[in-house]
PDB file of N, CA and C in Angstrom:
ATOM      1  N   MET A   1      52.338  89.556 261.131  1.00  0.00           N
ATOM      2  CA  MET A   1      52.425  90.569 262.164  1.00  0.00           C
ATOM      3  C   MET A   1      52.193  91.924 261.503  1.00  0.00           C
ATOM      4  N   LYS A   2      51.521  92.778 262.166  1.00  0.00           N
ATOM      5  CA  LYS A   2      51.257  94.117 261.649  1.00  0.00           C
ATOM      6  C   LYS A   2      52.242  95.109 262.277  1.00  0.00           C
ATOM      7  N   ARG A   3      52.460  96.215 261.583  1.00  0.00           N
ATOM      8  CA  ARG A   3      53.408  97.215 262.083  1.00  0.00           C
ATOM      9  C   ARG A   3      53.023  97.710 263.467  1.00  0.00           C
ATOM     10  N   GLU A   4      51.725  97.843 263.739  1.00  0.00           N
ATOM     11  CA  GLU A   4      51.273  98.309 265.055  1.00  0.00           C
ATOM     12  C   GLU A   4      51.676  97.337 266.161  1.00  0.00           C
ATOM     13  N   GLU A   5      51.672  96.042 265.842  1.00  0.00           N
ATOM     14  CA  GLU A   5      52.098  95.036 266.819  1.00  0.00           C
ATOM     15  C   GLU A   5      53.600  95.140 267.087  1.00  0.00           C
ATOM     16  N   ILE A   6      54.364  95.432 266.052  1.00  0.00           N
ATOM     17  CA  ILE A   6      55.805  95.644 266.229  1.00  0.00           C
ATOM     18  C   ILE A   6      56.039  96.845 267.131  1.00  0.00           C
ATOM     19  N   PHE A   7      55.323  97.929 266.868  1.00  0.00           N
ATOM     20  CA  PHE A   7      55.498  99.142 267.669  1.00  0.00           C
ATOM     21  C   PHE A   7      55.117  98.901 269.126  1.00  0.00           C
ATOM     22  N   LYS A   8      54.072  98.115 269.347  1.00  0.00           N
ATOM     23  CA  LYS A   8      53.667  97.791 270.718  1.00  0.00           C
ATOM     24  C   LYS A   8      54.752  96.956 271.404  1.00  0.00           C
ATOM     25  N   TYR A   9      55.292  95.978 270.682  1.00  0.00           N
ATOM     26  CA  TYR A   9      56.335  95.119 271.230  1.00  0.00           C
ATOM     27  C   TYR A   9      57.560  95.937 271.656  1.00  0.00           C
ATOM     28  N   VAL A  10      58.053  96.802 270.765  1.00  0.00           N
ATOM     29  CA  VAL A  10      59.272  97.556 271.094  1.00  0.00           C
ATOM     30  C   VAL A  10      59.015  98.618 272.155  1.00  0.00           C
ATOM     31  N   GLU A  11      57.799  99.117 272.215  1.00  0.00           N
ATOM     32  CA  GLU A  11      57.486 100.083 273.272  1.00  0.00           C
ATOM     33  C   GLU A  11      57.495  99.401 274.635  1.00  0.00           C
ATOM     34  N   GLU A  12      56.894  98.216 274.708  1.00  0.00           N
ATOM     35  CA  GLU A  12      56.840  97.491 275.982  1.00  0.00           C
ATOM     36  C   GLU A  12      58.210  96.968 276.403  1.00  0.00           C
ATOM     37  N   LYS A  13      58.998  96.480 275.450  1.00  0.00           N
ATOM     38  CA  LYS A  13      60.282  95.870 275.801  1.00  0.00           C
ATOM     39  C   LYS A  13      61.418  96.885 275.911  1.00  0.00           C
ATOM     40  N   TYR A  14      61.443  97.886 275.026  1.00  0.00           N
ATOM     41  CA  TYR A  14      62.581  98.802 274.957  1.00  0.00           C
ATOM     42  C   TYR A  14      62.210 100.268 275.161  1.00  0.00           C
ATOM     43  N   THR A  15      60.966 100.551 275.416  1.00  0.00           N
ATOM     44  CA  THR A  15      60.417 101.919 275.507  1.00  0.00           C
ATOM     45  C   THR A  15      60.756 102.757 274.269  1.00  0.00           C
ATOM     46  N   SER A  16      60.807 102.092 273.127  1.00  0.00           N
ATOM     47  CA  SER A  16      61.064 102.772 271.853  1.00  0.00           C
ATOM     48  C   SER A  16      59.754 103.220 271.222  1.00  0.00           C
ATOM     49  N   GLN A  17      59.811 104.368 270.600  1.00  0.00           N
ATOM     50  CA  GLN A  17      58.683 104.901 269.832  1.00  0.00           C
ATOM     51  C   GLN A  17      59.122 105.031 268.374  1.00  0.00           C
ATOM     52  N   PRO A  18      58.238 104.724 267.435  1.00  0.00           N
ATOM     53  CA  PRO A  18      58.615 104.915 266.035  1.00  0.00           C
ATOM     54  C   PRO A  18      58.847 106.388 265.733  1.00  0.00           C
ATOM     55  N   GLU A  19      59.861 106.653 264.939  1.00  0.00           N
ATOM     56  CA  GLU A  19      60.173 108.019 264.514  1.00  0.00           C
ATOM     57  C   GLU A  19      59.980 108.105 263.004  1.00  0.00           C
ATOM     58  N   TYR A  20      59.219 109.098 262.587  1.00  0.00           N
ATOM     59  CA  TYR A  20      58.940 109.308 261.168  1.00  0.00           C
ATOM     60  C   TYR A  20      59.794 110.485 260.709  1.00  0.00           C
ATOM     61  N   LEU A  21      60.883 110.190 260.007  1.00  0.00           N
ATOM     62  CA  LEU A  21      61.914 111.178 259.721  1.00  0.00           C
ATOM     63  C   LEU A  21      61.775 111.893 258.379  1.00  0.00           C
ATOM     64  N   TRP A  22      60.984 111.351 257.471  1.00  0.00           N
ATOM     65  CA  TRP A  22      60.941 111.898 256.120  1.00  0.00           C
ATOM     66  C   TRP A  22      59.518 112.194 255.674  1.00  0.00           C
ATOM     67  N   LYS A  23      59.305 113.401 255.183  1.00  0.00           N
ATOM     68  CA  LYS A  23      57.991 113.766 254.639  1.00  0.00           C
ATOM     69  C   LYS A  23      57.662 112.920 253.419  1.00  0.00           C
ATOM     70  N   LYS A  24      58.644 112.715 252.559  1.00  0.00           N
ATOM     71  CA  LYS A  24      58.425 111.964 251.323  1.00  0.00           C
ATOM     72  C   LYS A  24      58.038 110.513 251.608  1.00  0.00           C
ATOM     73  N   TYR A  25      58.533 109.971 252.686  1.00  0.00           N
ATOM     74  CA  TYR A  25      58.243 108.584 253.065  1.00  0.00           C
ATOM     75  C   TYR A  25      57.540 108.583 254.414  1.00  0.00           C
ATOM     76  N   ALA A  26      56.340 109.080 254.416  1.00  0.00           N
ATOM     77  CA  ALA A  26      55.598 109.335 255.657  1.00  0.00           C
ATOM     78  C   ALA A  26      55.307 108.079 256.473  1.00  0.00           C
ATOM     79  N   HIS A  27      55.348 106.904 255.850  1.00  0.00           N
ATOM     80  CA  HIS A  27      55.053 105.666 256.573  1.00  0.00           C
ATOM     81  C   HIS A  27      56.307 104.891 256.969  1.00  0.00           C
ATOM     82  N   TYR A  28      57.481 105.454 256.722  1.00  0.00           N
ATOM     83  CA  TYR A  28      58.723 104.813 257.129  1.00  0.00           C
ATOM     84  C   TYR A  28      58.985 105.171 258.592  1.00  0.00           C
ATOM     85  N   ALA A  29      59.057 104.155 259.435  1.00  0.00           N
ATOM     86  CA  ALA A  29      59.219 104.365 260.877  1.00  0.00           C
ATOM     87  C   ALA A  29      60.549 103.780 261.351  1.00  0.00           C
ATOM     88  N   VAL A  30      61.399 104.626 261.877  1.00  0.00           N
ATOM     89  CA  VAL A  30      62.696 104.209 262.408  1.00  0.00           C
ATOM     90  C   VAL A  30      62.540 103.867 263.883  1.00  0.00           C
ATOM     91  N   LEU A  31      63.174 102.771 264.281  1.00  0.00           N
ATOM     92  CA  LEU A  31      63.236 102.378 265.693  1.00  0.00           C
ATOM     93  C   LEU A  31      64.699 102.444 266.103  1.00  0.00           C
ATOM     94  N   ARG A  32      64.962 103.184 267.182  1.00  0.00           N
ATOM     95  CA  ARG A  32      66.356 103.333 267.590  1.00  0.00           C
ATOM     96  C   ARG A  32      66.510 103.355 269.099  1.00  0.00           C
ATOM     97  N   HIS A  33      67.760 103.135 269.501  1.00  0.00           N
ATOM     98  CA  HIS A  33      68.108 103.174 270.921  1.00  0.00           C
ATOM     99  C   HIS A  33      67.946 104.590 271.458  1.00  0.00           C
ATOM    100  N   SER A  34      67.470 104.683 272.675  1.00  0.00           N
ATOM    101  CA  SER A  34      67.323 106.008 273.279  1.00  0.00           C
ATOM    102  C   SER A  34      68.678 106.578 273.705  1.00  0.00           C
ATOM    103  N   GLN A  35      69.634 105.714 274.048  1.00  0.00           N
ATOM    104  CA  GLN A  35      70.939 106.187 274.527  1.00  0.00           C
ATOM    105  C   GLN A  35      71.882 106.578 273.393  1.00  0.00           C
ATOM    106  N   ASN A  36      72.184 105.641 272.511  1.00  0.00           N
ATOM    107  CA  ASN A  36      73.182 105.915 271.471  1.00  0.00           C
ATOM    108  C   ASN A  36      72.566 106.389 270.154  1.00  0.00           C
ATOM    109  N   ARG A  37      71.245 106.359 270.055  1.00  0.00           N
ATOM    110  CA  ARG A  37      70.472 106.830 268.893  1.00  0.00           C
ATOM    111  C   ARG A  37      70.692 105.988 267.640  1.00  0.00           C
ATOM    112  N   LYS A  38      71.354 104.838 267.770  1.00  0.00           N
ATOM    113  CA  LYS A  38      71.549 103.959 266.620  1.00  0.00           C
ATOM    114  C   LYS A  38      70.235 103.275 266.265  1.00  0.00           C
ATOM    115  N   TRP A  39      70.023 103.105 264.973  1.00  0.00           N
ATOM    116  CA  TRP A  39      68.851 102.387 264.492  1.00  0.00           C
ATOM    117  C   TRP A  39      69.017 100.898 264.764  1.00  0.00           C
ATOM    118  N   TYR A  40      67.938 100.253 265.179  1.00  0.00           N
ATOM    119  CA  TYR A  40      67.947  98.795 265.226  1.00  0.00           C
ATOM    120  C   TYR A  40      66.893  98.198 264.310  1.00  0.00           C
ATOM    121  N   ALA A  41      65.992  99.022 263.789  1.00  0.00           N
ATOM    122  CA  ALA A  41      65.004  98.548 262.816  1.00  0.00           C
ATOM    123  C   ALA A  41      64.378  99.738 262.108  1.00  0.00           C
ATOM    124  N   ILE A  42      63.861  99.465 260.932  1.00  0.00           N
ATOM    125  CA  ILE A  42      63.058 100.449 260.212  1.00  0.00           C
ATOM    126  C   ILE A  42      61.910  99.699 259.543  1.00  0.00           C
ATOM    127  N   VAL A  43      60.708 100.188 259.758  1.00  0.00           N
ATOM    128  CA  VAL A  43      59.507  99.601 259.167  1.00  0.00           C
ATOM    129  C   VAL A  43      59.107 100.497 258.000  1.00  0.00           C
ATOM    130  N   MET A  44      58.903  99.869 256.835  1.00  0.00           N
ATOM    131  CA  MET A  44      58.619 100.631 255.615  1.00  0.00           C
ATOM    132  C   MET A  44      57.486  99.979 254.835  1.00  0.00           C
ATOM    133  N   ASP A  45      56.839 100.771 254.001  1.00  0.00           N
ATOM    134  CA  ASP A  45      55.895 100.219 253.036  1.00  0.00           C
ATOM    135  C   ASP A  45      56.513 100.393 251.655  1.00  0.00           C
ATOM    136  N   VAL A  46      56.663  99.274 250.940  1.00  0.00           N
ATOM    137  CA  VAL A  46      57.321  99.294 249.631  1.00  0.00           C
ATOM    138  C   VAL A  46      56.519  98.455 248.644  1.00  0.00           C
ATOM    139  N   LYS A  47      56.720  98.750 247.367  1.00  0.00           N
ATOM    140  CA  LYS A  47      56.093  97.943 246.323  1.00  0.00           C
ATOM    141  C   LYS A  47      56.791  96.590 246.258  1.00  0.00           C
ATOM    142  N   LYS A  48      55.996  95.550 246.031  1.00  0.00           N
ATOM    143  CA  LYS A  48      56.557  94.204 245.915  1.00  0.00           C
ATOM    144  C   LYS A  48      57.677  94.144 244.884  1.00  0.00           C
ATOM    145  N   GLU A  49      57.479  94.840 243.766  1.00  0.00           N
ATOM    146  CA  GLU A  49      58.465  94.790 242.687  1.00  0.00           C
ATOM    147  C   GLU A  49      59.832  95.318 243.132  1.00  0.00           C
ATOM    148  N   ASN A  50      59.869  96.172 244.151  1.00  0.00           N
ATOM    149  CA  ASN A  50      61.147  96.681 244.665  1.00  0.00           C
ATOM    150  C   ASN A  50      61.941  95.613 245.405  1.00  0.00           C
ATOM    151  N   LEU A  51      61.259  94.531 245.759  1.00  0.00           N
ATOM    152  CA  LEU A  51      61.915  93.418 246.451  1.00  0.00           C
ATOM    153  C   LEU A  51      62.178  92.245 245.509  1.00  0.00           C
ATOM    154  N   GLY A  52      61.860  92.443 244.226  1.00  0.00           N
ATOM    155  CA  GLY A  52      62.031  91.371 243.258  1.00  0.00           C
ATOM    156  C   GLY A  52      60.836  90.446 243.176  1.00  0.00           C
ATOM    157  N   LEU A  53      59.715  90.853 243.771  1.00  0.00           N
ATOM    158  CA  LEU A  53      58.492  90.052 243.724  1.00  0.00           C
ATOM    159  C   LEU A  53      57.593  90.545 242.595  1.00  0.00           C
ATOM    160  N   GLU A  54      56.661  89.710 242.195  1.00  0.00           N
ATOM    161  CA  GLU A  54      55.701  90.116 241.173  1.00  0.00           C
ATOM    162  C   GLU A  54      54.623  90.983 241.798  1.00  0.00           C
ATOM    163  N   GLY A  55      54.209  91.998 241.056  1.00  0.00           N
ATOM    164  CA  GLY A  55      53.112  92.837 241.510  1.00  0.00           C
ATOM    165  C   GLY A  55      53.569  94.210 241.946  1.00  0.00           C
ATOM    166  N   LYS A  56      52.624  95.120 241.909  1.00  0.00           N
ATOM    167  CA  LYS A  56      52.895  96.504 242.301  1.00  0.00           C
ATOM    168  C   LYS A  56      52.258  96.838 243.648  1.00  0.00           C
ATOM    169  N   GLU A  57      51.651  95.837 244.285  1.00  0.00           N
ATOM    170  CA  GLU A  57      51.033  96.077 245.586  1.00  0.00           C
ATOM    171  C   GLU A  57      52.084  96.535 246.584  1.00  0.00           C
ATOM    172  N   VAL A  58      51.641  97.318 247.533  1.00  0.00           N
ATOM    173  CA  VAL A  58      52.523  97.807 248.591  1.00  0.00           C
ATOM    174  C   VAL A  58      52.386  96.888 249.797  1.00  0.00           C
ATOM    175  N   ILE A  59      53.521  96.476 250.348  1.00  0.00           N
ATOM    176  CA  ILE A  59      53.526  95.635 251.544  1.00  0.00           C
ATOM    177  C   ILE A  59      54.400  96.295 252.610  1.00  0.00           C
ATOM    178  N   ASP A  60      54.167  95.910 253.853  1.00  0.00           N
ATOM    179  CA  ASP A  60      55.008  96.381 254.954  1.00  0.00           C
ATOM    180  C   ASP A  60      56.177  95.427 255.132  1.00  0.00           C
ATOM    181  N   ILE A  61      57.365  96.006 255.241  1.00  0.00           N
ATOM    182  CA  ILE A  61      58.568  95.235 255.530  1.00  0.00           C
ATOM    183  C   ILE A  61      59.288  95.887 256.699  1.00  0.00           C
ATOM    184  N   MET A  62      60.218  95.147 257.263  1.00  0.00           N
ATOM    185  CA  MET A  62      61.061  95.698 258.318  1.00  0.00           C
ATOM    186  C   MET A  62      62.493  95.276 258.042  1.00  0.00           C
ATOM    187  N   ASP A  63      63.414  96.218 258.124  1.00  0.00           N
ATOM    188  CA  ASP A  63      64.842  95.923 258.044  1.00  0.00           C
ATOM    189  C   ASP A  63      65.400  95.842 259.458  1.00  0.00           C
ATOM    190  N   VAL A  64      66.200  94.807 259.707  1.00  0.00           N
ATOM    191  CA  VAL A  64      66.903  94.670 260.982  1.00  0.00           C
ATOM    192  C   VAL A  64      68.366  94.363 260.696  1.00  0.00           C
ATOM    193  N   LYS A  65      69.218  94.704 261.641  1.00  0.00           N
ATOM    194  CA  LYS A  65      70.651  94.442 261.519  1.00  0.00           C
ATOM    195  C   LYS A  65      70.976  93.128 262.218  1.00  0.00           C
ATOM    196  N   LEU A  66      71.707  92.262 261.505  1.00  0.00           N
ATOM    197  CA  LEU A  66      72.095  90.958 262.036  1.00  0.00           C
ATOM    198  C   LEU A  66      73.529  90.667 261.626  1.00  0.00           C
ATOM    199  N   ASP A  67      74.110  89.623 262.202  1.00  0.00           N
ATOM    200  CA  ASP A  67      75.452  89.253 261.784  1.00  0.00           C
ATOM    201  C   ASP A  67      75.379  88.706 260.356  1.00  0.00           C
ATOM    202  N   PRO A  68      76.449  88.873 259.580  1.00  0.00           N
ATOM    203  CA  PRO A  68      76.426  88.482 258.163  1.00  0.00           C
ATOM    204  C   PRO A  68      76.056  87.015 257.916  1.00  0.00           C
ATOM    205  N   GLU A  69      76.465  86.116 258.801  1.00  0.00           N
ATOM    206  CA  GLU A  69      76.140  84.701 258.617  1.00  0.00           C
ATOM    207  C   GLU A  69      74.633  84.469 258.708  1.00  0.00           C
ATOM    208  N   THR A  70      73.992  85.116 259.664  1.00  0.00           N
ATOM    209  CA  THR A  70      72.541  84.981 259.816  1.00  0.00           C
ATOM    210  C   THR A  70      71.818  85.588 258.622  1.00  0.00           C
ATOM    211  N   VAL A  71      72.303  86.719 258.149  1.00  0.00           N
ATOM    212  CA  VAL A  71      71.715  87.348 256.959  1.00  0.00           C
ATOM    213  C   VAL A  71      71.769  86.376 255.786  1.00  0.00           C
ATOM    214  N   ASP A  72      72.929  85.741 255.562  1.00  0.00           N
ATOM    215  CA  ASP A  72      73.077  84.784 254.460  1.00  0.00           C
ATOM    216  C   ASP A  72      72.093  83.629 254.580  1.00  0.00           C
ATOM    217  N   ILE A  73      71.958  83.095 255.769  1.00  0.00           N
ATOM    218  CA  ILE A  73      71.058  81.956 255.986  1.00  0.00           C
ATOM    219  C   ILE A  73      69.605  82.356 255.747  1.00  0.00           C
ATOM    220  N   LEU A  74      69.196  83.484 256.310  1.00  0.00           N
ATOM    221  CA  LEU A  74      67.794  83.893 256.217  1.00  0.00           C
ATOM    222  C   LEU A  74      67.377  84.285 254.807  1.00  0.00           C
ATOM    223  N   GLN A  75      68.299  84.788 254.003  1.00  0.00           N
ATOM    224  CA  GLN A  75      67.928  85.228 252.658  1.00  0.00           C
ATOM    225  C   GLN A  75      67.398  84.106 251.782  1.00  0.00           C
ATOM    226  N   SER A  76      67.672  82.874 252.143  1.00  0.00           N
ATOM    227  CA  SER A  76      67.138  81.750 251.368  1.00  0.00           C
ATOM    228  C   SER A  76      65.797  81.266 251.916  1.00  0.00           C
ATOM    229  N   SER A  77      65.287  81.926 252.944  1.00  0.00           N
ATOM    230  CA  SER A  77      64.007  81.549 253.552  1.00  0.00           C
ATOM    231  C   SER A  77      62.883  82.438 253.029  1.00  0.00           C
ATOM    232  N   GLU A  78      61.680  81.881 253.004  1.00  0.00           N
ATOM    233  CA  GLU A  78      60.517  82.637 252.548  1.00  0.00           C
ATOM    234  C   GLU A  78      60.271  83.838 253.460  1.00  0.00           C
ATOM    235  N   GLY A  79      59.983  84.977 252.847  1.00  0.00           N
ATOM    236  CA  GLY A  79      59.668  86.183 253.603  1.00  0.00           C
ATOM    237  C   GLY A  79      60.867  87.055 253.922  1.00  0.00           C
ATOM    238  N   PHE A  80      62.057  86.645 253.474  1.00  0.00           N
ATOM    239  CA  PHE A  80      63.282  87.412 253.715  1.00  0.00           C
ATOM    240  C   PHE A  80      63.908  87.832 252.388  1.00  0.00           C
ATOM    241  N   PHE A  81      64.467  89.044 252.370  1.00  0.00           N
ATOM    242  CA  PHE A  81      65.021  89.614 251.149  1.00  0.00           C
ATOM    243  C   PHE A  81      66.285  90.403 251.476  1.00  0.00           C
ATOM    244  N   PRO A  82      67.141  90.619 250.458  1.00  0.00           N
ATOM    245  CA  PRO A  82      68.263  91.534 250.685  1.00  0.00           C
ATOM    246  C   PRO A  82      67.723  92.874 251.187  1.00  0.00           C
ATOM    247  N   ALA A  83      68.435  93.481 252.072  1.00  0.00           N
ATOM    248  CA  ALA A  83      67.958  94.706 252.730  1.00  0.00           C
ATOM    249  C   ALA A  83      67.595  95.787 251.724  1.00  0.00           C
ATOM    250  N   TYR A  84      66.444  96.379 251.935  1.00  0.00           N
ATOM    251  CA  TYR A  84      65.974  97.476 251.103  1.00  0.00           C
ATOM    252  C   TYR A  84      66.562  98.771 251.647  1.00  0.00           C
ATOM    253  N   HIS A  85      67.414  99.410 250.878  1.00  0.00           N
ATOM    254  CA  HIS A  85      68.048 100.694 251.225  1.00  0.00           C
ATOM    255  C   HIS A  85      69.012 100.617 252.410  1.00  0.00           C
ATOM    256  N   MET A  86      69.561  99.448 252.681  1.00  0.00           N
ATOM    257  CA  MET A  86      70.546  99.310 253.752  1.00  0.00           C
ATOM    258  C   MET A  86      71.668  98.405 253.241  1.00  0.00           C
ATOM    259  N   ASN A  87      72.739  98.282 254.018  1.00  0.00           N
ATOM    260  CA  ASN A  87      73.862  97.416 253.680  1.00  0.00           C
ATOM    261  C   ASN A  87      73.391  95.965 253.663  1.00  0.00           C
ATOM    262  N   ASN A  88      73.493  95.315 252.503  1.00  0.00           N
ATOM    263  CA  ASN A  88      72.970  93.956 252.351  1.00  0.00           C
ATOM    264  C   ASN A  88      73.728  92.894 253.128  1.00  0.00           C
ATOM    265  N   SER A  89      74.946  93.172 253.551  1.00  0.00           N
ATOM    266  CA  SER A  89      75.678  92.144 254.290  1.00  0.00           C
ATOM    267  C   SER A  89      75.326  92.142 255.774  1.00  0.00           C
ATOM    268  N   ASN A  90      74.824  93.255 256.295  1.00  0.00           N
ATOM    269  CA  ASN A  90      74.514  93.352 257.724  1.00  0.00           C
ATOM    270  C   ASN A  90      73.035  93.555 258.035  1.00  0.00           C
ATOM    271  N   TRP A  91      72.238  93.867 257.034  1.00  0.00           N
ATOM    272  CA  TRP A  91      70.814  94.122 257.237  1.00  0.00           C
ATOM    273  C   TRP A  91      70.009  93.206 256.329  1.00  0.00           C
ATOM    274  N   ILE A  92      68.794  92.891 256.753  1.00  0.00           N
ATOM    275  CA  ILE A  92      67.900  92.054 255.962  1.00  0.00           C
ATOM    276  C   ILE A  92      66.489  92.623 256.042  1.00  0.00           C
ATOM    277  N   SER A  93      65.742  92.480 254.951  1.00  0.00           N
ATOM    278  CA  SER A  93      64.342  92.903 254.924  1.00  0.00           C
ATOM    279  C   SER A  93      63.448  91.704 255.210  1.00  0.00           C
ATOM    280  N   ILE A  94      62.420  91.957 256.003  1.00  0.00           N
ATOM    281  CA  ILE A  94      61.476  90.916 256.407  1.00  0.00           C
ATOM    282  C   ILE A  94      60.079  91.329 255.970  1.00  0.00           C
ATOM    283  N   ASP A  95      59.384  90.439 255.264  1.00  0.00           N
ATOM    284  CA  ASP A  95      57.964  90.652 254.971  1.00  0.00           C
ATOM    285  C   ASP A  95      57.214  90.317 256.260  1.00  0.00           C
ATOM    286  N   ILE A  96      56.780  91.329 256.976  1.00  0.00           N
ATOM    287  CA  ILE A  96      56.226  91.108 258.317  1.00  0.00           C
ATOM    288  C   ILE A  96      54.874  90.402 258.298  1.00  0.00           C
ATOM    289  N   ALA A  97      54.217  90.336 257.146  1.00  0.00           N
ATOM    290  CA  ALA A  97      52.949  89.613 257.046  1.00  0.00           C
ATOM    291  C   ALA A  97      53.172  88.120 256.816  1.00  0.00           C
ATOM    292  N   THR A  98      54.375  87.749 256.397  1.00  0.00           N
ATOM    293  CA  THR A  98      54.676  86.359 256.041  1.00  0.00           C
ATOM    294  C   THR A  98      55.419  85.613 257.145  1.00  0.00           C
ATOM    295  N   VAL A  99      56.357  86.279 257.783  1.00  0.00           N
ATOM    296  CA  VAL A  99      57.224  85.638 258.778  1.00  0.00           C
ATOM    297  C   VAL A  99      56.507  85.582 260.129  1.00  0.00           C
ATOM    298  N   ASP A 100      56.709  84.487 260.841  1.00  0.00           N
ATOM    299  CA  ASP A 100      56.098  84.255 262.153  1.00  0.00           C
ATOM    300  C   ASP A 100      56.444  85.373 263.137  1.00  0.00           C
ATOM    301  N   SER A 101      55.450  85.805 263.899  1.00  0.00           N
ATOM    302  CA  SER A 101      55.639  86.939 264.817  1.00  0.00           C
ATOM    303  C   SER A 101      56.704  86.660 265.881  1.00  0.00           C
ATOM    304  N   LYS A 102      56.797  85.426 266.347  1.00  0.00           N
ATOM    305  CA  LYS A 102      57.823  85.100 267.346  1.00  0.00           C
ATOM    306  C   LYS A 102      59.222  85.264 266.750  1.00  0.00           C
ATOM    307  N   GLN A 103      59.391  84.822 265.509  1.00  0.00           N
ATOM    308  CA  GLN A 103      60.687  84.980 264.851  1.00  0.00           C
ATOM    309  C   GLN A 103      60.995  86.458 264.625  1.00  0.00           C
ATOM    310  N   ILE A 104      59.983  87.231 264.242  1.00  0.00           N
ATOM    311  CA  ILE A 104      60.183  88.670 264.058  1.00  0.00           C
ATOM    312  C   ILE A 104      60.660  89.308 265.361  1.00  0.00           C
ATOM    313  N   CYS A 105      60.019  88.975 266.463  1.00  0.00           N
ATOM    314  CA  CYS A 105      60.424  89.532 267.764  1.00  0.00           C
ATOM    315  C   CYS A 105      61.844  89.114 268.125  1.00  0.00           C
ATOM    316  N   ASN A 106      62.192  87.860 267.860  1.00  0.00           N
ATOM    317  CA  ASN A 106      63.556  87.392 268.129  1.00  0.00           C
ATOM    318  C   ASN A 106      64.586  88.152 267.296  1.00  0.00           C
ATOM    319  N   LEU A 107      64.242  88.449 266.047  1.00  0.00           N
ATOM    320  CA  LEU A 107      65.161  89.185 265.181  1.00  0.00           C
ATOM    321  C   LEU A 107      65.274  90.646 265.606  1.00  0.00           C
ATOM    322  N   ILE A 108      64.182  91.227 266.067  1.00  0.00           N
ATOM    323  CA  ILE A 108      64.242  92.585 266.623  1.00  0.00           C
ATOM    324  C   ILE A 108      65.183  92.601 267.821  1.00  0.00           C
ATOM    325  N   ASP A 109      65.041  91.616 268.699  1.00  0.00           N
ATOM    326  CA  ASP A 109      65.897  91.526 269.888  1.00  0.00           C
ATOM    327  C   ASP A 109      67.373  91.397 269.499  1.00  0.00           C
ATOM    328  N   ALA A 110      67.651  90.551 268.506  1.00  0.00           N
ATOM    329  CA  ALA A 110      69.036  90.367 268.061  1.00  0.00           C
ATOM    330  C   ALA A 110      69.596  91.665 267.487  1.00  0.00           C
ATOM    331  N   SER A 111      68.789  92.363 266.705  1.00  0.00           N
ATOM    332  CA  SER A 111      69.227  93.633 266.128  1.00  0.00           C
ATOM    333  C   SER A 111      69.446  94.681 267.214  1.00  0.00           C
ATOM    334  N   PHE A 112      68.554  94.705 268.186  1.00  0.00           N
ATOM    335  CA  PHE A 112      68.694  95.649 269.297  1.00  0.00           C
ATOM    336  C   PHE A 112      70.013  95.408 270.025  1.00  0.00           C
ATOM    337  N   ASP A 113      70.304  94.139 270.325  1.00  0.00           N
ATOM    338  CA  ASP A 113      71.546  93.799 271.028  1.00  0.00           C
ATOM    339  C   ASP A 113      72.779  94.143 270.191  1.00  0.00           C
ATOM    340  N   LEU A 114      72.718  93.850 268.902  1.00  0.00           N
ATOM    341  CA  LEU A 114      73.858  94.089 268.020  1.00  0.00           C
ATOM    342  C   LEU A 114      74.173  95.576 267.871  1.00  0.00           C
ATOM    343  N   THR A 115      73.159  96.415 267.936  1.00  0.00           N
ATOM    344  CA  THR A 115      73.351  97.858 267.748  1.00  0.00           C
ATOM    345  C   THR A 115      73.489  98.615 269.063  1.00  0.00           C
ATOM    346  N   ALA A 116      73.514  97.900 270.173  1.00  0.00           N
ATOM    347  CA  ALA A 116      73.595  98.551 271.487  1.00  0.00           C
ATOM    348  C   ALA A 116      74.975  99.126 271.772  1.00  0.00           C
ATOM    349  N   LYS A 117      75.989  98.654 271.081  1.00  0.00           N
ATOM    350  CA  LYS A 117      77.376  99.059 271.346  1.00  0.00           C
ATOM    351  C   LYS A 117      77.693 100.410 270.753  1.00  0.00           C
TER     352      LYS A 117
END
C-alpha cells in the first residue's frame, strides 16, 4: 500500500487530512481526530536500519495505536516492528509496502476507535 492510498482511505472514511507538523521531517504525516485532536496514525519515511533491517534505503512506515496484546502478537509477524518514536507497548510500526492493504485498513480503524475517547 502506498501512503497516498492510506490518505485517500482516511479521507473517505474519517474526513482526515494528513498534517505535516515538522520542517525537519517534511514527509512525516500525522493523522488525527478532528474532534479531540488525538493522533491515530503517523506515516513516516525512515531508513531501514532504524528499524533493525539491513540497508540504508528509505521506506514508508506507519505507526498505529493498538492494545498491548495485539502489539505483542503483531511484532512477530513480517512487516511489523516496535514503534518508531512512539510508546512500544501501545504503538506499532508497519512497513506499508509489505503488509496487506486490507490488514492496514483494519489496523487504522482499530487505532481510530482506540483513540476516539
